[in-house]
Amino acid sequence: SNATKIYALLISDEAIKVLEKEKIPYEYEKRVPYIKNRGNTGLCPMEQAVLGISDLDEAFRVLREKVKSMIKNK
């Protein structure tokens, strides 16, 4: 990963686990167990896409594909 530090308004417990594992410093405004989707019916689609992925390069690739898919399906 090329990230040297992360700042987030909202961060999930899973994201913190990955950042700590990778020794990436982070700051946040609010910590939550998981980030909810817009309907508050489950996980945010982005968080769902990378759940269980601990490799940062793989997570970035998956997120990039998810964004492309969401734009295409709008």
N, C-alpha and C. Protein backbone atom coordinates (compact mmCIF):
# COMPACT_ATOMS: atom_id res chain seq x y z
N SER A 1 0.83 -1.19 0.00
CA SER A 1 0.00 0.00 0.00
C SER A 1 0.87 1.25 0.00
N ASN A 2 0.37 2.30 -0.63
CA ASN A 2 1.08 3.57 -0.63
C ASN A 2 0.57 4.51 0.44
N ALA A 3 -0.45 4.10 1.18
CA ALA A 3 -1.02 4.96 2.21
C ALA A 3 -0.01 5.15 3.34
N THR A 4 0.15 6.39 3.76
CA THR A 4 1.04 6.66 4.88
C THR A 4 0.27 7.03 6.13
N LYS A 5 -0.97 7.48 5.94
CA LYS A 5 -1.84 7.82 7.07
C LYS A 5 -3.27 7.92 6.55
N ILE A 6 -4.23 7.55 7.38
CA ILE A 6 -5.65 7.59 7.01
C ILE A 6 -6.38 8.52 7.96
N TYR A 7 -7.25 9.36 7.40
CA TYR A 7 -8.18 10.15 8.21
C TYR A 7 -9.58 9.83 7.71
N ALA A 8 -10.47 9.48 8.64
CA ALA A 8 -11.84 9.14 8.26
C ALA A 8 -12.83 9.81 9.20
N LEU A 9 -13.93 10.27 8.63
CA LEU A 9 -15.02 10.76 9.48
C LEU A 9 -15.67 9.58 10.19
N LEU A 10 -15.81 8.47 9.47
CA LEU A 10 -16.44 7.26 10.00
C LEU A 10 -15.56 6.07 9.65
N ILE A 11 -15.29 5.23 10.65
CA ILE A 11 -14.44 4.06 10.42
C ILE A 11 -15.02 2.85 11.14
N SER A 12 -14.86 1.69 10.53
CA SER A 12 -15.39 0.46 11.13
C SER A 12 -14.30 -0.28 11.90
N ASP A 13 -14.75 -1.15 12.79
CA ASP A 13 -13.82 -1.98 13.55
C ASP A 13 -12.93 -2.81 12.63
N GLU A 14 -13.52 -3.34 11.55
CA GLU A 14 -12.74 -4.16 10.61
C GLU A 14 -11.66 -3.33 9.93
N ALA A 15 -11.98 -2.11 9.56
CA ALA A 15 -10.98 -1.24 8.92
C ALA A 15 -9.83 -0.98 9.88
N ILE A 16 -10.15 -0.75 11.14
CA ILE A 16 -9.11 -0.51 12.14
C ILE A 16 -8.20 -1.73 12.29
N LYS A 17 -8.79 -2.92 12.27
CA LYS A 17 -7.98 -4.14 12.37
C LYS A 17 -6.95 -4.21 11.24
N VAL A 18 -7.39 -3.90 10.03
CA VAL A 18 -6.49 -3.95 8.87
C VAL A 18 -5.42 -2.87 8.98
N LEU A 19 -5.82 -1.66 9.34
CA LEU A 19 -4.85 -0.57 9.46
C LEU A 19 -3.80 -0.88 10.52
N GLU A 20 -4.23 -1.42 11.65
CA GLU A 20 -3.28 -1.76 12.71
C GLU A 20 -2.35 -2.89 12.27
N LYS A 21 -2.89 -3.88 11.58
CA LYS A 21 -2.08 -4.99 11.07
C LYS A 21 -1.00 -4.47 10.13
N GLU A 22 -1.38 -3.50 9.29
CA GLU A 22 -0.45 -2.94 8.31
C GLU A 22 0.39 -1.79 8.87
N LYS A 23 0.16 -1.46 10.15
CA LYS A 23 0.89 -0.38 10.82
C LYS A 23 0.72 0.97 10.11
N ILE A 24 -0.50 1.21 9.65
CA ILE A 24 -0.83 2.49 9.02
C ILE A 24 -1.50 3.37 10.06
N PRO A 25 -0.93 4.53 10.37
CA PRO A 25 -1.54 5.42 11.35
C PRO A 25 -2.91 5.91 10.85
N TYR A 26 -3.81 6.14 11.79
CA TYR A 26 -5.15 6.58 11.41
C TYR A 26 -5.74 7.49 12.47
N GLU A 27 -6.65 8.32 12.03
CA GLU A 27 -7.46 9.18 12.90
C GLU A 27 -8.88 9.10 12.40
N TYR A 28 -9.83 9.30 13.29
CA TYR A 28 -11.23 9.25 12.89
C TYR A 28 -12.08 10.09 13.82
N GLU A 29 -13.26 10.43 13.34
CA GLU A 29 -14.23 11.16 14.15
C GLU A 29 -15.14 10.20 14.91
N LYS A 30 -15.60 9.15 14.22
CA LYS A 30 -16.54 8.21 14.84
C LYS A 30 -16.19 6.78 14.44
N ARG A 31 -16.16 5.89 15.45
CA ARG A 31 -15.88 4.47 15.21
C ARG A 31 -17.18 3.69 15.40
N VAL A 32 -17.44 2.76 14.48
CA VAL A 32 -18.65 1.93 14.54
C VAL A 32 -18.26 0.47 14.29
N PRO A 33 -19.11 -0.47 14.75
CA PRO A 33 -18.81 -1.88 14.49
C PRO A 33 -18.73 -2.18 12.99
N TYR A 34 -19.63 -1.59 12.22
CA TYR A 34 -19.60 -1.72 10.77
C TYR A 34 -20.32 -0.53 10.17
N ILE A 35 -20.01 -0.23 8.92
CA ILE A 35 -20.65 0.90 8.24
C ILE A 35 -21.92 0.38 7.57
N LYS A 36 -23.02 1.05 7.84
CA LYS A 36 -24.33 0.62 7.33
C LYS A 36 -24.58 1.15 5.92
N ASN A 37 -25.44 0.43 5.20
CA ASN A 37 -25.85 0.91 3.89
C ASN A 37 -26.83 2.07 4.05
N ARG A 38 -27.20 2.70 2.97
CA ARG A 38 -28.08 3.88 3.04
C ARG A 38 -29.44 3.58 3.65
N GLY A 39 -29.93 2.36 3.46
CA GLY A 39 -31.23 1.99 4.01
C GLY A 39 -31.17 1.47 5.43
N ASN A 40 -29.97 1.46 6.01
CA ASN A 40 -29.77 0.91 7.36
C ASN A 40 -30.26 -0.52 7.50
N THR A 41 -30.15 -1.29 6.41
CA THR A 41 -30.63 -2.67 6.43
C THR A 41 -29.49 -3.69 6.44
N GLY A 42 -28.27 -3.22 6.43
CA GLY A 42 -27.12 -4.12 6.42
C GLY A 42 -25.84 -3.35 6.20
N LEU A 43 -24.83 -4.06 5.77
CA LEU A 43 -23.52 -3.44 5.53
C LEU A 43 -23.52 -2.54 4.30
N CYS A 44 -22.71 -1.51 4.37
CA CYS A 44 -22.42 -0.67 3.21
C CYS A 44 -21.86 -1.59 2.11
N PRO A 45 -22.26 -1.39 0.85
CA PRO A 45 -21.76 -2.26 -0.21
C PRO A 45 -20.23 -2.26 -0.34
N MET A 46 -19.61 -1.15 -0.05
CA MET A 46 -18.15 -1.09 -0.13
C MET A 46 -17.52 -1.92 0.99
N GLU A 47 -18.07 -1.80 2.18
CA GLU A 47 -17.55 -2.58 3.31
C GLU A 47 -17.80 -4.07 3.07
N GLN A 48 -18.96 -4.39 2.55
CA GLN A 48 -19.30 -5.79 2.25
C GLN A 48 -18.33 -6.37 1.23
N ALA A 49 -17.95 -5.57 0.24
CA ALA A 49 -17.08 -6.04 -0.83
C ALA A 49 -15.70 -6.47 -0.32
N VAL A 50 -15.21 -5.81 0.71
CA VAL A 50 -13.85 -6.12 1.18
C VAL A 50 -13.82 -6.87 2.51
N LEU A 51 -14.98 -7.21 3.01
CA LEU A 51 -15.04 -7.95 4.27
C LEU A 51 -14.24 -9.24 4.15
N GLY A 52 -13.32 -9.43 5.05
CA GLY A 52 -12.51 -10.64 5.03
C GLY A 52 -11.24 -10.55 4.19
N ILE A 53 -11.06 -9.45 3.47
CA ILE A 53 -9.84 -9.27 2.67
C ILE A 53 -8.84 -8.48 3.51
N SER A 54 -7.70 -9.07 3.77
CA SER A 54 -6.70 -8.38 4.58
C SER A 54 -5.54 -7.83 3.75
N ASP A 55 -5.42 -8.25 2.50
CA ASP A 55 -4.38 -7.74 1.61
C ASP A 55 -4.84 -6.40 1.03
N LEU A 56 -4.08 -5.36 1.30
CA LEU A 56 -4.49 -4.01 0.88
C LEU A 56 -4.59 -3.85 -0.63
N ASP A 57 -3.67 -4.45 -1.36
CA ASP A 57 -3.72 -4.34 -2.82
C ASP A 57 -4.96 -5.03 -3.37
N GLU A 58 -5.29 -6.19 -2.82
CA GLU A 58 -6.50 -6.90 -3.24
C GLU A 58 -7.75 -6.10 -2.88
N ALA A 59 -7.77 -5.54 -1.67
CA ALA A 59 -8.93 -4.74 -1.24
C ALA A 59 -9.12 -3.55 -2.17
N PHE A 60 -8.04 -2.88 -2.54
CA PHE A 60 -8.13 -1.73 -3.44
C PHE A 60 -8.68 -2.16 -4.80
N ARG A 61 -8.19 -3.29 -5.31
CA ARG A 61 -8.67 -3.80 -6.60
C ARG A 61 -10.17 -4.10 -6.53
N VAL A 62 -10.61 -4.75 -5.45
CA VAL A 62 -12.02 -5.10 -5.28
C VAL A 62 -12.87 -3.84 -5.16
N LEU A 63 -12.41 -2.85 -4.41
CA LEU A 63 -13.16 -1.59 -4.27
C LEU A 63 -13.27 -0.86 -5.60
N ARG A 64 -12.19 -0.86 -6.36
CA ARG A 64 -12.21 -0.20 -7.67
C ARG A 64 -13.24 -0.86 -8.58
N GLU A 65 -13.28 -2.19 -8.58
CA GLU A 65 -14.26 -2.92 -9.39
C GLU A 65 -15.68 -2.68 -8.89
N LYS A 66 -15.86 -2.58 -7.58
CA LYS A 66 -17.19 -2.33 -7.01
C LYS A 66 -17.70 -0.96 -7.45
N VAL A 67 -16.84 0.04 -7.40
CA VAL A 67 -17.23 1.39 -7.83
C VAL A 67 -17.63 1.37 -9.30
N LYS A 68 -16.83 0.72 -10.14
CA LYS A 68 -17.16 0.62 -11.57
C LYS A 68 -18.52 -0.04 -11.76
N SER A 69 -18.77 -1.10 -11.03
CA SER A 69 -20.03 -1.83 -11.13
C SER A 69 -21.21 -0.96 -10.68
N MET A 70 -21.03 -0.22 -9.60
CA MET A 70 -22.11 0.63 -9.09
C MET A 70 -22.41 1.77 -10.07
N ILE A 71 -21.38 2.33 -10.69
CA ILE A 71 -21.58 3.40 -11.67
C ILE A 71 -22.31 2.85 -12.89
N LYS A 72 -21.90 1.69 -13.34
CA LYS A 72 -22.50 1.06 -14.51
C LYS A 72 -23.98 0.73 -14.29
N ASN A 73 -24.33 0.34 -13.07
CA ASN A 73 -25.70 -0.08 -12.76
C ASN A 73 -26.61 1.06 -12.32
N LYS A 74 -26.12 2.29 -12.35
CA LYS A 74 -26.96 3.45 -11.95
C LYS A 74 -28.00 3.75 -12.97
